[in-house]
């Protein structure tokens, strides 16, 4: 499966979303859907999300880049990730197809 539906509670409301595997970060990215989130065309095999997806953070403790800020900024259109140049991973400025979650991934 390429896109997994998600549902989370904020304490005051339930938010529907999607999770997708990012080949640039080798990690999952989640987006919320609806009036205050992204739009999704419903195509689980070749999805399109709008607007761009911006994920930012700091490398986890114990990693070689511990404490270093990272950015993943992309568009997903018709099943293709277009990584913007401000991304800090190996696919920055490049495109890659969406892909299924890795075998055994349960997150």
PDB file of N, CA and C in Angstrom:
ATOM      1  N   UNK A   1       0.841  -1.179   0.000  1.00  0.00           N
ATOM      2  CA  UNK A   1       0.000   0.000   0.000  1.00  0.00           C
ATOM      3  C   UNK A   1       0.886   1.242   0.000  1.00  0.00           C
ATOM      4  N   UNK A   2       0.513   2.221  -0.807  1.00  0.00           N
ATOM      5  CA  UNK A   2       1.308   3.445  -0.921  1.00  0.00           C
ATOM      6  C   UNK A   2       0.825   4.519   0.053  1.00  0.00           C
ATOM      7  N   UNK A   3      -0.482   4.732   0.116  1.00  0.00           N
ATOM      8  CA  UNK A   3      -1.057   5.731   1.016  1.00  0.00           C
ATOM      9  C   UNK A   3      -1.863   5.003   2.077  1.00  0.00           C
ATOM     10  N   UNK A   4      -1.579   5.301   3.340  1.00  0.00           N
ATOM     11  CA  UNK A   4      -2.335   4.700   4.443  1.00  0.00           C
ATOM     12  C   UNK A   4      -3.216   5.759   5.089  1.00  0.00           C
ATOM     13  N   UNK A   5      -4.502   5.459   5.266  1.00  0.00           N
ATOM     14  CA  UNK A   5      -5.352   6.412   5.974  1.00  0.00           C
ATOM     15  C   UNK A   5      -4.960   6.471   7.442  1.00  0.00           C
ATOM     16  N   UNK A   6      -5.106   7.643   8.040  1.00  0.00           N
ATOM     17  CA  UNK A   6      -4.822   7.825   9.463  1.00  0.00           C
ATOM     18  C   UNK A   6      -5.988   8.576  10.101  1.00  0.00           C
ATOM     19  N   UNK A   7      -6.085   8.476  11.386  1.00  0.00           N
ATOM     20  CA  UNK A   7      -7.089   9.226  12.150  1.00  0.00           C
ATOM     21  C   UNK A   7      -6.485   9.523  13.507  1.00  0.00           C
ATOM     22  N   UNK A   8      -6.567  10.776  13.908  1.00  0.00           N
ATOM     23  CA  UNK A   8      -6.009  11.192  15.197  1.00  0.00           C
ATOM     24  C   UNK A   8      -7.004  12.091  15.911  1.00  0.00           C
ATOM     25  N   UNK A   9      -6.937  12.071  17.223  1.00  0.00           N
ATOM     26  CA  UNK A   9      -7.780  12.939  18.026  1.00  0.00           C
ATOM     27  C   UNK A   9      -6.927  14.040  18.626  1.00  0.00           C
ATOM     28  N   UNK A  10      -7.410  15.260  18.500  1.00  0.00           N
ATOM     29  CA  UNK A  10      -6.706  16.403  19.085  1.00  0.00           C
ATOM     30  C   UNK A  10      -7.232  16.720  20.473  1.00  0.00           C
ATOM     31  N   UNK A  11      -8.187  15.945  20.942  1.00  0.00           N
ATOM     32  CA  UNK A  11      -8.831  16.210  22.218  1.00  0.00           C
ATOM     33  C   UNK A  11     -10.157  16.918  22.035  1.00  0.00           C
ATOM     34  N   UNK A  12     -10.254  17.736  20.979  1.00  0.00           N
ATOM     35  CA  UNK A  12     -11.513  18.431  20.698  1.00  0.00           C
ATOM     36  C   UNK A  12     -12.128  18.012  19.369  1.00  0.00           C
ATOM     37  N   UNK A  13     -11.325  17.361  18.515  1.00  0.00           N
ATOM     38  CA  UNK A  13     -11.845  16.912  17.231  1.00  0.00           C
ATOM     39  C   UNK A  13     -11.038  15.715  16.732  1.00  0.00           C
ATOM     40  N   UNK A  14     -11.643  14.982  15.789  1.00  0.00           N
ATOM     41  CA  UNK A  14     -10.957  13.875  15.139  1.00  0.00           C
ATOM     42  C   UNK A  14     -10.492  14.371  13.774  1.00  0.00           C
ATOM     43  N   UNK A  15      -9.219  14.138  13.461  1.00  0.00           N
ATOM     44  CA  UNK A  15      -8.630  14.619  12.217  1.00  0.00           C
ATOM     45  C   UNK A  15      -8.261  13.426  11.347  1.00  0.00           C
ATOM     46  N   UNK A  16      -8.796  13.402  10.129  1.00  0.00           N
ATOM     47  CA  UNK A  16      -8.434  12.362   9.172  1.00  0.00           C
ATOM     48  C   UNK A  16      -7.200  12.802   8.403  1.00  0.00           C
ATOM     49  N   UNK A  17      -6.412  11.830   7.992  1.00  0.00           N
ATOM     50  CA  UNK A  17      -5.208  12.143   7.245  1.00  0.00           C
ATOM     51  C   UNK A  17      -4.703  10.950   6.468  1.00  0.00           C
ATOM     52  N   UNK A  18      -3.497  11.092   5.979  1.00  0.00           N
ATOM     53  CA  UNK A  18      -2.825  10.038   5.216  1.00  0.00           C
ATOM     54  C   UNK A  18      -1.371   9.980   5.645  1.00  0.00           C
ATOM     55  N   UNK A  19      -0.813   8.799   5.557  1.00  0.00           N
ATOM     56  CA  UNK A  19       0.615   8.604   5.794  1.00  0.00           C
ATOM     57  C   UNK A  19       1.213   8.044   4.507  1.00  0.00           C
ATOM     58  N   UNK A  20       2.423   8.483   4.193  1.00  0.00           N
ATOM     59  CA  UNK A  20       3.096   8.046   2.967  1.00  0.00           C
ATOM     60  C   UNK A  20       4.590   7.930   3.263  1.00  0.00           C
ATOM     61  N   UNK A  21       5.241   6.953   2.641  1.00  0.00           N
ATOM     62  CA  UNK A  21       6.666   6.720   2.862  1.00  0.00           C
ATOM     63  C   UNK A  21       7.472   7.677   2.009  1.00  0.00           C
ATOM     64  N   UNK A  22       8.421   8.391   2.629  1.00  0.00           N
ATOM     65  CA  UNK A  22       9.274   9.337   1.916  1.00  0.00           C
ATOM     66  C   UNK A  22      10.613   8.679   1.589  1.00  0.00           C
ATOM     67  N   UNK A  23      10.940   8.548   0.292  1.00  0.00           N
ATOM     68  CA  UNK A  23      12.219   7.942  -0.069  1.00  0.00           C
ATOM     69  C   UNK A  23      13.406   8.856   0.204  1.00  0.00           C
ATOM     70  N   UNK A  24      13.188  10.148   0.360  1.00  0.00           N
ATOM     71  CA  UNK A  24      14.283  11.062   0.673  1.00  0.00           C
ATOM     72  C   UNK A  24      14.694  10.983   2.129  1.00  0.00           C
ATOM     73  N   UNK A  25      13.713  10.856   3.010  1.00  0.00           N
ATOM     74  CA  UNK A  25      13.978  10.801   4.452  1.00  0.00           C
ATOM     75  C   UNK A  25      14.071   9.368   4.970  1.00  0.00           C
ATOM     76  N   UNK A  26      13.653   8.397   4.158  1.00  0.00           N
ATOM     77  CA  UNK A  26      13.525   7.010   4.618  1.00  0.00           C
ATOM     78  C   UNK A  26      12.702   6.969   5.896  1.00  0.00           C
ATOM     79  N   UNK A  27      11.564   7.652   5.850  1.00  0.00           N
ATOM     80  CA  UNK A  27      10.682   7.739   7.005  1.00  0.00           C
ATOM     81  C   UNK A  27       9.280   8.059   6.514  1.00  0.00           C
ATOM     82  N   UNK A  28       8.328   7.959   7.414  1.00  0.00           N
ATOM     83  CA  UNK A  28       6.938   8.240   7.077  1.00  0.00           C
ATOM     84  C   UNK A  28       6.640   9.726   7.278  1.00  0.00           C
ATOM     85  N   UNK A  29       5.817  10.285   6.383  1.00  0.00           N
ATOM     86  CA  UNK A  29       5.289  11.631   6.545  1.00  0.00           C
ATOM     87  C   UNK A  29       3.777  11.507   6.611  1.00  0.00           C
ATOM     88  N   UNK A  30       3.164  12.266   7.506  1.00  0.00           N
ATOM     89  CA  UNK A  30       1.712  12.259   7.659  1.00  0.00           C
ATOM     90  C   UNK A  30       1.169  13.643   7.342  1.00  0.00           C
ATOM     91  N   UNK A  31       0.035  13.674   6.676  1.00  0.00           N
ATOM     92  CA  UNK A  31      -0.631  14.938   6.370  1.00  0.00           C
ATOM     93  C   UNK A  31      -2.076  14.850   6.838  1.00  0.00           C
ATOM     94  N   UNK A  32      -2.583  15.960   7.370  1.00  0.00           N
ATOM     95  CA  UNK A  32      -3.992  16.006   7.747  1.00  0.00           C
ATOM     96  C   UNK A  32      -4.794  16.471   6.534  1.00  0.00           C
ATOM     97  N   UNK A  33      -6.015  15.995   6.446  1.00  0.00           N
ATOM     98  CA  UNK A  33      -6.880  16.326   5.314  1.00  0.00           C
ATOM     99  C   UNK A  33      -8.044  17.172   5.792  1.00  0.00           C
ATOM    100  N   UNK A  34      -8.623  17.896   4.899  1.00  0.00           N
ATOM    101  CA  UNK A  34      -9.809  18.665   5.244  1.00  0.00           C
ATOM    102  C   UNK A  34      -9.594  20.150   5.129  1.00  0.00           C
ATOM    103  N   UNK A  35     -10.532  20.922   5.669  1.00  0.00           N
ATOM    104  CA  UNK A  35     -10.507  22.375   5.486  1.00  0.00           C
ATOM    105  C   UNK A  35      -9.247  23.051   6.000  1.00  0.00           C
ATOM    106  N   UNK A  36      -8.626  22.500   7.029  1.00  0.00           N
ATOM    107  CA  UNK A  36      -7.414  23.106   7.583  1.00  0.00           C
ATOM    108  C   UNK A  36      -6.157  22.335   7.220  1.00  0.00           C
ATOM    109  N   UNK A  37      -6.272  21.413   6.252  1.00  0.00           N
ATOM    110  CA  UNK A  37      -5.128  20.592   5.880  1.00  0.00           C
ATOM    111  C   UNK A  37      -4.937  20.544   4.378  1.00  0.00           C
ATOM    112  N   UNK A  38      -4.429  19.415   3.912  1.00  0.00           N
ATOM    113  CA  UNK A  38      -4.133  19.222   2.505  1.00  0.00           C
ATOM    114  C   UNK A  38      -5.346  18.657   1.773  1.00  0.00           C
ATOM    115  N   UNK A  39      -5.322  18.777   0.469  1.00  0.00           N
ATOM    116  CA  UNK A  39      -6.292  18.064  -0.355  1.00  0.00           C
ATOM    117  C   UNK A  39      -5.592  16.834  -0.910  1.00  0.00           C
ATOM    118  N   UNK A  40      -6.355  15.795  -1.149  1.00  0.00           N
ATOM    119  CA  UNK A  40      -5.842  14.512  -1.637  1.00  0.00           C
ATOM    120  C   UNK A  40      -6.833  14.011  -2.672  1.00  0.00           C
ATOM    121  N   UNK A  41      -6.320  13.580  -3.811  1.00  0.00           N
ATOM    122  CA  UNK A  41      -7.204  13.159  -4.898  1.00  0.00           C
ATOM    123  C   UNK A  41      -7.803  11.764  -4.707  1.00  0.00           C
ATOM    124  N   UNK A  42      -7.417  11.046  -3.656  1.00  0.00           N
ATOM    125  CA  UNK A  42      -7.983   9.733  -3.370  1.00  0.00           C
ATOM    126  C   UNK A  42      -7.333   8.575  -4.110  1.00  0.00           C
ATOM    127  N   UNK A  43      -6.362   8.843  -4.952  1.00  0.00           N
ATOM    128  CA  UNK A  43      -5.686   7.786  -5.700  1.00  0.00           C
ATOM    129  C   UNK A  43      -4.580   7.195  -4.822  1.00  0.00           C
ATOM    130  N   UNK A  44      -4.831   6.013  -4.278  1.00  0.00           N
ATOM    131  CA  UNK A  44      -3.886   5.402  -3.332  1.00  0.00           C
ATOM    132  C   UNK A  44      -2.617   4.885  -4.003  1.00  0.00           C
ATOM    133  N   UNK A  45      -2.610   4.703  -5.312  1.00  0.00           N
ATOM    134  CA  UNK A  45      -1.431   4.179  -5.998  1.00  0.00           C
ATOM    135  C   UNK A  45      -0.596   5.268  -6.681  1.00  0.00           C
ATOM    136  N   UNK A  46      -1.238   6.361  -7.111  1.00  0.00           N
ATOM    137  CA  UNK A  46      -0.528   7.478  -7.749  1.00  0.00           C
ATOM    138  C   UNK A  46      -1.129   8.782  -7.228  1.00  0.00           C
ATOM    139  N   UNK A  47      -0.895   9.073  -5.939  1.00  0.00           N
ATOM    140  CA  UNK A  47      -1.577  10.190  -5.288  1.00  0.00           C
ATOM    141  C   UNK A  47      -1.083  11.569  -5.716  1.00  0.00           C
ATOM    142  N   UNK A  48      -1.980  12.540  -5.510  1.00  0.00           N
ATOM    143  CA  UNK A  48      -1.645  13.950  -5.620  1.00  0.00           C
ATOM    144  C   UNK A  48      -2.132  14.628  -4.343  1.00  0.00           C
ATOM    145  N   UNK A  49      -1.237  15.371  -3.700  1.00  0.00           N
ATOM    146  CA  UNK A  49      -1.561  16.153  -2.519  1.00  0.00           C
ATOM    147  C   UNK A  49      -1.297  17.622  -2.843  1.00  0.00           C
ATOM    148  N   UNK A  50      -2.072  18.497  -2.236  1.00  0.00           N
ATOM    149  CA  UNK A  50      -1.865  19.923  -2.427  1.00  0.00           C
ATOM    150  C   UNK A  50      -2.202  20.625  -1.123  1.00  0.00           C
ATOM    151  N   UNK A  51      -1.457  21.638  -0.724  1.00  0.00           N
ATOM    152  CA  UNK A  51      -0.281  22.230  -1.357  1.00  0.00           C
ATOM    153  C   UNK A  51       0.969  21.395  -1.085  1.00  0.00           C
ATOM    154  N   UNK A  52       2.132  22.025  -1.145  1.00  0.00           N
ATOM    155  CA  UNK A  52       3.382  21.314  -0.884  1.00  0.00           C
ATOM    156  C   UNK A  52       3.399  20.783   0.547  1.00  0.00           C
ATOM    157  N   UNK A  53       4.232  19.771   0.762  1.00  0.00           N
ATOM    158  CA  UNK A  53       4.395  19.165   2.081  1.00  0.00           C
ATOM    159  C   UNK A  53       5.749  19.608   2.626  1.00  0.00           C
ATOM    160  N   UNK A  54       5.727  20.252   3.775  1.00  0.00           N
ATOM    161  CA  UNK A  54       6.954  20.727   4.413  1.00  0.00           C
ATOM    162  C   UNK A  54       7.085  20.048   5.769  1.00  0.00           C
ATOM    163  N   UNK A  55       8.150  19.272   5.924  1.00  0.00           N
ATOM    164  CA  UNK A  55       8.429  18.574   7.178  1.00  0.00           C
ATOM    165  C   UNK A  55       9.800  19.047   7.639  1.00  0.00           C
ATOM    166  N   UNK A  56       9.888  19.457   8.908  1.00  0.00           N
ATOM    167  CA  UNK A  56      11.148  19.963   9.451  1.00  0.00           C
ATOM    168  C   UNK A  56      11.404  19.333  10.810  1.00  0.00           C
ATOM    169  N   UNK A  57      12.653  19.246  11.175  1.00  0.00           N
ATOM    170  CA  UNK A  57      12.975  18.705  12.483  1.00  0.00           C
ATOM    171  C   UNK A  57      14.447  18.822  12.775  1.00  0.00           C
ATOM    172  N   UNK A  58      14.848  18.085  13.787  1.00  0.00           N
ATOM    173  CA  UNK A  58      16.250  18.021  14.200  1.00  0.00           C
ATOM    174  C   UNK A  58      16.590  16.541  14.297  1.00  0.00           C
ATOM    175  N   UNK A  59      17.771  16.162  13.798  1.00  0.00           N
ATOM    176  CA  UNK A  59      18.176  14.755  13.845  1.00  0.00           C
ATOM    177  C   UNK A  59      18.128  14.228  15.269  1.00  0.00           C
ATOM    178  N   UNK A  60      17.695  12.989  15.386  1.00  0.00           N
ATOM    179  CA  UNK A  60      17.498  12.351  16.695  1.00  0.00           C
ATOM    180  C   UNK A  60      18.801  12.161  17.461  1.00  0.00           C
ATOM    181  N   UNK A  61      18.665  12.119  18.771  1.00  0.00           N
ATOM    182  CA  UNK A  61      19.823  11.853  19.624  1.00  0.00           C
ATOM    183  C   UNK A  61      20.456  10.526  19.252  1.00  0.00           C
ATOM    184  N   UNK A  62      21.745  10.495  19.228  1.00  0.00           N
ATOM    185  CA  UNK A  62      22.463   9.261  18.933  1.00  0.00           C
ATOM    186  C   UNK A  62      22.710   9.026  17.454  1.00  0.00           C
ATOM    187  N   UNK A  63      22.246   9.932  16.570  1.00  0.00           N
ATOM    188  CA  UNK A  63      22.535   9.778  15.153  1.00  0.00           C
ATOM    189  C   UNK A  63      23.830  10.517  14.829  1.00  0.00           C
ATOM    190  N   UNK A  64      24.467  10.175  13.707  1.00  0.00           N
ATOM    191  CA  UNK A  64      25.711  10.866  13.360  1.00  0.00           C
ATOM    192  C   UNK A  64      25.539  12.380  13.213  1.00  0.00           C
ATOM    193  N   UNK A  65      24.324  12.837  12.855  1.00  0.00           N
ATOM    194  CA  UNK A  65      24.088  14.270  12.668  1.00  0.00           C
ATOM    195  C   UNK A  65      23.275  14.846  13.818  1.00  0.00           C
ATOM    196  N   UNK A  66      23.412  14.266  15.001  1.00  0.00           N
ATOM    197  CA  UNK A  66      22.630  14.652  16.176  1.00  0.00           C
ATOM    198  C   UNK A  66      22.541  16.170  16.337  1.00  0.00           C
ATOM    199  N   UNK A  67      21.321  16.669  16.471  1.00  0.00           N
ATOM    200  CA  UNK A  67      21.089  18.086  16.701  1.00  0.00           C
ATOM    201  C   UNK A  67      21.081  18.949  15.453  1.00  0.00           C
ATOM    202  N   UNK A  68      21.369  18.386  14.281  1.00  0.00           N
ATOM    203  CA  UNK A  68      21.402  19.150  13.038  1.00  0.00           C
ATOM    204  C   UNK A  68      19.978  19.302  12.487  1.00  0.00           C
ATOM    205  N   UNK A  69      19.552  20.512  12.148  1.00  0.00           N
ATOM    206  CA  UNK A  69      18.223  20.686  11.564  1.00  0.00           C
ATOM    207  C   UNK A  69      18.134  20.039  10.182  1.00  0.00           C
ATOM    208  N   UNK A  70      16.953  19.524   9.832  1.00  0.00           N
ATOM    209  CA  UNK A  70      16.719  18.960   8.507  1.00  0.00           C
ATOM    210  C   UNK A  70      15.383  19.456   7.974  1.00  0.00           C
ATOM    211  N   UNK A  71      15.251  19.426   6.650  1.00  0.00           N
ATOM    212  CA  UNK A  71      14.042  19.876   5.968  1.00  0.00           C
ATOM    213  C   UNK A  71      13.720  18.893   4.850  1.00  0.00           C
ATOM    214  N   UNK A  72      12.446  18.563   4.702  1.00  0.00           N
ATOM    215  CA  UNK A  72      11.954  17.829   3.540  1.00  0.00           C
ATOM    216  C   UNK A  72      10.775  18.631   3.005  1.00  0.00           C
ATOM    217  N   UNK A  73      10.934  19.201   1.821  1.00  0.00           N
ATOM    218  CA  UNK A  73       9.906  20.046   1.219  1.00  0.00           C
ATOM    219  C   UNK A  73       9.633  19.493  -0.171  1.00  0.00           C
ATOM    220  N   UNK A  74       8.369  19.173  -0.430  1.00  0.00           N
ATOM    221  CA  UNK A  74       8.057  18.484  -1.681  1.00  0.00           C
ATOM    222  C   UNK A  74       6.627  18.717  -2.124  1.00  0.00           C
ATOM    223  N   UNK A  75       6.405  18.410  -3.386  1.00  0.00           N
ATOM    224  CA  UNK A  75       5.068  18.246  -3.939  1.00  0.00           C
ATOM    225  C   UNK A  75       4.934  16.770  -4.282  1.00  0.00           C
ATOM    226  N   UNK A  76       3.741  16.226  -4.129  1.00  0.00           N
ATOM    227  CA  UNK A  76       3.449  14.875  -4.623  1.00  0.00           C
ATOM    228  C   UNK A  76       2.336  15.038  -5.637  1.00  0.00           C
ATOM    229  N   UNK A  77       2.663  14.726  -6.901  1.00  0.00           N
ATOM    230  CA  UNK A  77       1.705  14.874  -7.996  1.00  0.00           C
ATOM    231  C   UNK A  77       1.735  13.620  -8.856  1.00  0.00           C
ATOM    232  N   UNK A  78       0.550  13.054  -9.065  1.00  0.00           N
ATOM    233  CA  UNK A  78       0.413  11.875  -9.939  1.00  0.00           C
ATOM    234  C   UNK A  78       1.410  10.778  -9.600  1.00  0.00           C
ATOM    235  N   UNK A  79       1.616  10.556  -8.302  1.00  0.00           N
ATOM    236  CA  UNK A  79       2.477   9.469  -7.865  1.00  0.00           C
ATOM    237  C   UNK A  79       3.966   9.746  -7.917  1.00  0.00           C
ATOM    238  N   UNK A  80       4.345  11.001  -8.040  1.00  0.00           N
ATOM    239  CA  UNK A  80       5.768  11.360  -8.100  1.00  0.00           C
ATOM    240  C   UNK A  80       6.057  12.432  -7.050  1.00  0.00           C
ATOM    241  N   UNK A  81       7.091  12.175  -6.249  1.00  0.00           N
ATOM    242  CA  UNK A  81       7.601  13.185  -5.315  1.00  0.00           C
ATOM    243  C   UNK A  81       8.482  14.140  -6.112  1.00  0.00           C
ATOM    244  N   UNK A  82       8.260  15.431  -5.991  1.00  0.00           N
ATOM    245  CA  UNK A  82       9.165  16.448  -6.518  1.00  0.00           C
ATOM    246  C   UNK A  82       9.741  17.172  -5.307  1.00  0.00           C
ATOM    247  N   UNK A  83      10.992  16.850  -4.999  1.00  0.00           N
ATOM    248  CA  UNK A  83      11.649  17.423  -3.824  1.00  0.00           C
ATOM    249  C   UNK A  83      12.235  18.790  -4.178  1.00  0.00           C
ATOM    250  N   UNK A  84      11.875  19.785  -3.400  1.00  0.00           N
ATOM    251  CA  UNK A  84      12.328  21.142  -3.655  1.00  0.00           C
ATOM    252  C   UNK A  84      13.766  21.325  -3.165  1.00  0.00           C
ATOM    253  N   UNK A  85      14.468  22.313  -3.713  1.00  0.00           N
ATOM    254  CA  UNK A  85      15.889  22.492  -3.391  1.00  0.00           C
ATOM    255  C   UNK A  85      16.190  22.835  -1.934  1.00  0.00           C
ATOM    256  N   UNK A  86      15.179  23.268  -1.161  1.00  0.00           N
ATOM    257  CA  UNK A  86      15.464  23.552   0.249  1.00  0.00           C
ATOM    258  C   UNK A  86      15.456  22.288   1.105  1.00  0.00           C
ATOM    259  N   UNK A  87      15.144  21.136   0.512  1.00  0.00           N
ATOM    260  CA  UNK A  87      15.258  19.860   1.238  1.00  0.00           C
ATOM    261  C   UNK A  87      16.722  19.601   1.537  1.00  0.00           C
ATOM    262  N   UNK A  88      16.985  18.981   2.678  1.00  0.00           N
ATOM    263  CA  UNK A  88      18.384  18.776   3.074  1.00  0.00           C
ATOM    264  C   UNK A  88      18.837  17.321   2.910  1.00  0.00           C
ATOM    265  N   UNK A  89      18.040  16.493   2.246  1.00  0.00           N
ATOM    266  CA  UNK A  89      18.430  15.089   2.059  1.00  0.00           C
ATOM    267  C   UNK A  89      18.948  14.840   0.650  1.00  0.00           C
ATOM    268  N   UNK A  90      19.330  13.613   0.384  1.00  0.00           N
ATOM    269  CA  UNK A  90      19.988  13.221  -0.871  1.00  0.00           C
ATOM    270  C   UNK A  90      19.143  13.428  -2.118  1.00  0.00           C
ATOM    271  N   UNK A  91      17.816  13.534  -1.994  1.00  0.00           N
ATOM    272  CA  UNK A  91      16.955  13.710  -3.157  1.00  0.00           C
ATOM    273  C   UNK A  91      16.562  15.169  -3.393  1.00  0.00           C
ATOM    274  N   UNK A  92      17.182  16.091  -2.675  1.00  0.00           N
ATOM    275  CA  UNK A  92      16.902  17.516  -2.846  1.00  0.00           C
ATOM    276  C   UNK A  92      17.037  17.918  -4.314  1.00  0.00           C
ATOM    277  N   UNK A  93      16.000  18.592  -4.848  1.00  0.00           N
ATOM    278  CA  UNK A  93      16.029  19.044  -6.236  1.00  0.00           C
ATOM    279  C   UNK A  93      15.735  17.967  -7.257  1.00  0.00           C
ATOM    280  N   UNK A  94      15.376  16.773  -6.812  1.00  0.00           N
ATOM    281  CA  UNK A  94      15.124  15.654  -7.717  1.00  0.00           C
ATOM    282  C   UNK A  94      13.712  15.116  -7.553  1.00  0.00           C
ATOM    283  N   UNK A  95      13.343  14.197  -8.425  1.00  0.00           N
ATOM    284  CA  UNK A  95      12.040  13.532  -8.372  1.00  0.00           C
ATOM    285  C   UNK A  95      12.236  12.059  -8.095  1.00  0.00           C
ATOM    286  N   UNK A  96      11.210  11.439  -7.517  1.00  0.00           N
ATOM    287  CA  UNK A  96      11.241   9.999  -7.239  1.00  0.00           C
ATOM    288  C   UNK A  96       9.799   9.507  -7.190  1.00  0.00           C
ATOM    289  N   UNK A  97       9.554   8.271  -7.625  1.00  0.00           N
ATOM    290  CA  UNK A  97       8.192   7.746  -7.552  1.00  0.00           C
ATOM    291  C   UNK A  97       7.786   7.478  -6.106  1.00  0.00           C
ATOM    292  N   UNK A  98       6.473   7.592  -5.836  1.00  0.00           N
ATOM    293  CA  UNK A  98       5.998   7.162  -4.528  1.00  0.00           C
ATOM    294  C   UNK A  98       6.220   5.662  -4.441  1.00  0.00           C
ATOM    295  N   UNK A  99       6.372   5.151  -3.237  1.00  0.00           N
ATOM    296  CA  UNK A  99       6.665   3.731  -3.077  1.00  0.00           C
ATOM    297  C   UNK A  99       5.910   3.186  -1.873  1.00  0.00           C
ATOM    298  N   UNK A 100       5.696   1.878  -1.873  1.00  0.00           N
ATOM    299  CA  UNK A 100       5.024   1.274  -0.707  1.00  0.00           C
ATOM    300  C   UNK A 100       5.871   1.403   0.547  1.00  0.00           C
ATOM    301  N   UNK A 101       5.217   1.243   1.687  1.00  0.00           N
ATOM    302  CA  UNK A 101       5.935   1.196   2.950  1.00  0.00           C
ATOM    303  C   UNK A 101       6.862  -0.022   2.921  1.00  0.00           C
ATOM    304  N   UNK A 102       8.008   0.059   3.578  1.00  0.00           N
ATOM    305  CA  UNK A 102       8.937  -1.080   3.604  1.00  0.00           C
ATOM    306  C   UNK A 102       8.283  -2.307   4.263  1.00  0.00           C
ATOM    307  N   UNK A 103       8.708  -3.486   3.841  1.00  0.00           N
ATOM    308  CA  UNK A 103       8.216  -4.720   4.458  1.00  0.00           C
ATOM    309  C   UNK A 103       8.471  -4.671   5.951  1.00  0.00           C
ATOM    310  N   UNK A 104       7.487  -5.062   6.708  1.00  0.00           N
ATOM    311  CA  UNK A 104       7.619  -5.109   8.161  1.00  0.00           C
ATOM    312  C   UNK A 104       7.376  -3.788   8.856  1.00  0.00           C
ATOM    313  N   UNK A 105       7.161  -2.701   8.117  1.00  0.00           N
ATOM    314  CA  UNK A 105       6.913  -1.404   8.761  1.00  0.00           C
ATOM    315  C   UNK A 105       5.520  -1.433   9.390  1.00  0.00           C
ATOM    316  N   UNK A 106       5.435  -1.127  10.670  1.00  0.00           N
ATOM    317  CA  UNK A 106       4.147  -1.199  11.343  1.00  0.00           C
ATOM    318  C   UNK A 106       3.707   0.143  11.918  1.00  0.00           C
ATOM    319  N   UNK A 107       4.536   1.176  11.775  1.00  0.00           N
ATOM    320  CA  UNK A 107       4.245   2.485  12.355  1.00  0.00           C
ATOM    321  C   UNK A 107       3.121   3.151  11.782  1.00  0.00           C
TER     322      UNK A 107
END
